[in-house]
């Protein structure tokens, strides 16, 4: 169940930040940022539960997955902050588009 919740939240978060970072209206960007924060928490909670159950099998992968998830969250927050301050560069969106599947793939390795 936690794995399904985790993957669902990653998918929704992925679509949400693409949608939010391509908007030009500041209110829509803020709405997308709030939705993203909700899904961060769900991802972190589900990943903690999965990590507790998988740590004895794959301790190094669990640590790497946690660092990758925190990096994606930090990049997303940075991108939203820059989008609001008009210092936004599309490189952040491309970096997020690359980093998110990598984090999900590492989480998949933890699960199996």
C-alpha atoms as a PDB file:
ATOM      1  CA  UNK A   1       0.000   0.000   0.000  1.00  0.00           C
ATOM      2  CA  UNK A   2       2.759   2.469   0.918  1.00  0.00           C
ATOM      3  CA  UNK A   3       4.533   1.821  -2.353  1.00  0.00           C
ATOM      4  CA  UNK A   4       1.389   2.671  -4.320  1.00  0.00           C
ATOM      5  CA  UNK A   5       0.906   5.844  -2.263  1.00  0.00           C
ATOM      6  CA  UNK A   6       4.544   6.792  -2.829  1.00  0.00           C
ATOM      7  CA  UNK A   7       4.452   6.288  -6.605  1.00  0.00           C
ATOM      8  CA  UNK A   8       1.078   8.037  -6.926  1.00  0.00           C
ATOM      9  CA  UNK A   9       2.351  11.064  -5.042  1.00  0.00           C
ATOM     10  CA  UNK A  10       5.535  11.191  -7.139  1.00  0.00           C
ATOM     11  CA  UNK A  11       3.419  11.137 -10.319  1.00  0.00           C
ATOM     12  CA  UNK A  12       1.075  13.850  -9.080  1.00  0.00           C
ATOM     13  CA  UNK A  13       4.017  15.950  -7.860  1.00  0.00           C
ATOM     14  CA  UNK A  14       5.757  15.566 -11.238  1.00  0.00           C
ATOM     15  CA  UNK A  15       2.696  16.749 -13.166  1.00  0.00           C
ATOM     16  CA  UNK A  16       2.019  19.489 -10.608  1.00  0.00           C
ATOM     17  CA  UNK A  17       5.409  21.150 -10.834  1.00  0.00           C
ATOM     18  CA  UNK A  18       5.390  20.991 -14.636  1.00  0.00           C
ATOM     19  CA  UNK A  19       1.981  22.643 -14.567  1.00  0.00           C
ATOM     20  CA  UNK A  20       2.944  25.166 -11.897  1.00  0.00           C
ATOM     21  CA  UNK A  21       6.314  26.205 -13.282  1.00  0.00           C
ATOM     22  CA  UNK A  22       4.940  26.824 -16.759  1.00  0.00           C
ATOM     23  CA  UNK A  23       2.204  29.219 -15.548  1.00  0.00           C
ATOM     24  CA  UNK A  24       2.656  32.954 -15.854  1.00  0.00           C
ATOM     25  CA  UNK A  25      -0.020  33.930 -13.320  1.00  0.00           C
ATOM     26  CA  UNK A  26       1.501  34.259  -9.847  1.00  0.00           C
ATOM     27  CA  UNK A  27      -1.639  32.974  -8.088  1.00  0.00           C
ATOM     28  CA  UNK A  28      -1.511  29.724 -10.079  1.00  0.00           C
ATOM     29  CA  UNK A  29       2.162  29.293  -9.207  1.00  0.00           C
ATOM     30  CA  UNK A  30       1.387  29.746  -5.502  1.00  0.00           C
ATOM     31  CA  UNK A  31      -1.504  27.273  -5.730  1.00  0.00           C
ATOM     32  CA  UNK A  32       0.790  24.750  -7.377  1.00  0.00           C
ATOM     33  CA  UNK A  33       3.437  25.319  -4.704  1.00  0.00           C
ATOM     34  CA  UNK A  34       0.915  24.608  -1.927  1.00  0.00           C
ATOM     35  CA  UNK A  35      -0.220  21.413  -3.645  1.00  0.00           C
ATOM     36  CA  UNK A  36       3.416  20.377  -4.075  1.00  0.00           C
ATOM     37  CA  UNK A  37       4.081  20.876  -0.368  1.00  0.00           C
ATOM     38  CA  UNK A  38       1.176  18.606   0.523  1.00  0.00           C
ATOM     39  CA  UNK A  39       2.577  15.866  -1.687  1.00  0.00           C
ATOM     40  CA  UNK A  40       6.104  16.370  -0.299  1.00  0.00           C
ATOM     41  CA  UNK A  41       4.818  15.459   3.109  1.00  0.00           C
ATOM     42  CA  UNK A  42       2.989  12.400   1.854  1.00  0.00           C
ATOM     43  CA  UNK A  43       6.094  11.305  -0.083  1.00  0.00           C
ATOM     44  CA  UNK A  44       8.331  11.808   2.945  1.00  0.00           C
ATOM     45  CA  UNK A  45       5.954   9.916   5.254  1.00  0.00           C
ATOM     46  CA  UNK A  46       5.526   7.009   2.851  1.00  0.00           C
ATOM     47  CA  UNK A  47       9.245   6.893   2.156  1.00  0.00           C
ATOM     48  CA  UNK A  48      10.024   6.766   5.875  1.00  0.00           C
ATOM     49  CA  UNK A  49       7.677   3.811   6.305  1.00  0.00           C
ATOM     50  CA  UNK A  50       9.161   2.037   3.283  1.00  0.00           C
ATOM     51  CA  UNK A  51      12.692   2.829   4.446  1.00  0.00           C
ATOM     52  CA  UNK A  52      12.087   1.440   7.915  1.00  0.00           C
ATOM     53  CA  UNK A  53      10.957  -1.824   6.388  1.00  0.00           C
ATOM     54  CA  UNK A  54      13.756  -1.968   3.799  1.00  0.00           C
ATOM     55  CA  UNK A  55      16.752  -0.616   5.695  1.00  0.00           C
ATOM     56  CA  UNK A  56      17.989  -4.031   6.824  1.00  0.00           C
ATOM     57  CA  UNK A  57      18.105  -5.244   3.190  1.00  0.00           C
ATOM     58  CA  UNK A  58      19.435  -2.155   1.397  1.00  0.00           C
ATOM     59  CA  UNK A  59      20.903   0.367   3.849  1.00  0.00           C
ATOM     60  CA  UNK A  60      22.986   2.243   1.281  1.00  0.00           C
ATOM     61  CA  UNK A  61      20.131   2.495  -1.225  1.00  0.00           C
ATOM     62  CA  UNK A  62      17.793   3.785   1.481  1.00  0.00           C
ATOM     63  CA  UNK A  63      20.258   6.550   2.343  1.00  0.00           C
ATOM     64  CA  UNK A  64      20.776   7.435  -1.336  1.00  0.00           C
ATOM     65  CA  UNK A  65      17.008   7.447  -1.954  1.00  0.00           C
ATOM     66  CA  UNK A  66      16.477   9.758   1.004  1.00  0.00           C
ATOM     67  CA  UNK A  67      19.149  12.167  -0.223  1.00  0.00           C
ATOM     68  CA  UNK A  68      17.699  12.092  -3.761  1.00  0.00           C
ATOM     69  CA  UNK A  69      14.201  12.805  -2.475  1.00  0.00           C
ATOM     70  CA  UNK A  70      15.402  15.702  -0.344  1.00  0.00           C
ATOM     71  CA  UNK A  71      17.340  17.065  -3.325  1.00  0.00           C
ATOM     72  CA  UNK A  72      14.232  16.984  -5.518  1.00  0.00           C
ATOM     73  CA  UNK A  73      12.231  18.738  -2.804  1.00  0.00           C
ATOM     74  CA  UNK A  74      14.934  21.398  -2.416  1.00  0.00           C
ATOM     75  CA  UNK A  75      15.135  21.926  -6.185  1.00  0.00           C
ATOM     76  CA  UNK A  76      11.379  22.246  -6.430  1.00  0.00           C
ATOM     77  CA  UNK A  77      11.233  24.792  -3.615  1.00  0.00           C
ATOM     78  CA  UNK A  78      14.074  26.745  -5.223  1.00  0.00           C
ATOM     79  CA  UNK A  79      12.295  26.708  -8.577  1.00  0.00           C
ATOM     80  CA  UNK A  80       9.023  27.930  -7.067  1.00  0.00           C
ATOM     81  CA  UNK A  81      10.829  30.635  -5.111  1.00  0.00           C
ATOM     82  CA  UNK A  82      12.652  31.865  -8.196  1.00  0.00           C
ATOM     83  CA  UNK A  83       9.454  31.719 -10.240  1.00  0.00           C
ATOM     84  CA  UNK A  84       7.832  34.103  -7.760  1.00  0.00           C
ATOM     85  CA  UNK A  85      10.867  36.421  -7.707  1.00  0.00           C
ATOM     86  CA  UNK A  86      11.153  36.501 -11.520  1.00  0.00           C
ATOM     87  CA  UNK A  87      14.701  35.062 -11.354  1.00  0.00           C
ATOM     88  CA  UNK A  88      13.417  31.816 -12.822  1.00  0.00           C
ATOM     89  CA  UNK A  89      15.376  30.001 -15.477  1.00  0.00           C
ATOM     90  CA  UNK A  90      13.999  27.045 -17.436  1.00  0.00           C
ATOM     91  CA  UNK A  91      17.161  25.113 -16.519  1.00  0.00           C
ATOM     92  CA  UNK A  92      15.590  24.389 -13.132  1.00  0.00           C
ATOM     93  CA  UNK A  93      12.573  22.781 -14.765  1.00  0.00           C
ATOM     94  CA  UNK A  94      14.831  20.634 -16.939  1.00  0.00           C
ATOM     95  CA  UNK A  95      16.894  19.685 -13.905  1.00  0.00           C
ATOM     96  CA  UNK A  96      13.720  18.674 -12.072  1.00  0.00           C
ATOM     97  CA  UNK A  97      12.530  16.704 -15.095  1.00  0.00           C
ATOM     98  CA  UNK A  98      15.771  14.726 -14.923  1.00  0.00           C
ATOM     99  CA  UNK A  99      16.121  14.439 -11.144  1.00  0.00           C
ATOM    100  CA  UNK A 100      12.602  13.231 -10.357  1.00  0.00           C
ATOM    101  CA  UNK A 101      12.723  10.009 -12.441  1.00  0.00           C
ATOM    102  CA  UNK A 102      16.173   9.283 -11.007  1.00  0.00           C
ATOM    103  CA  UNK A 103      14.811   9.612  -7.462  1.00  0.00           C
ATOM    104  CA  UNK A 104      11.849   7.375  -8.333  1.00  0.00           C
ATOM    105  CA  UNK A 105      14.169   4.760  -9.881  1.00  0.00           C
ATOM    106  CA  UNK A 106      16.321   4.709  -6.749  1.00  0.00           C
ATOM    107  CA  UNK A 107      13.172   4.330  -4.660  1.00  0.00           C
ATOM    108  CA  UNK A 108      12.155   1.421  -6.903  1.00  0.00           C
ATOM    109  CA  UNK A 109      15.481  -0.284  -6.208  1.00  0.00           C
ATOM    110  CA  UNK A 110      14.830   0.121  -2.484  1.00  0.00           C
ATOM    111  CA  UNK A 111      11.439  -1.516  -2.853  1.00  0.00           C
ATOM    112  CA  UNK A 112      12.815  -4.678  -4.458  1.00  0.00           C
END
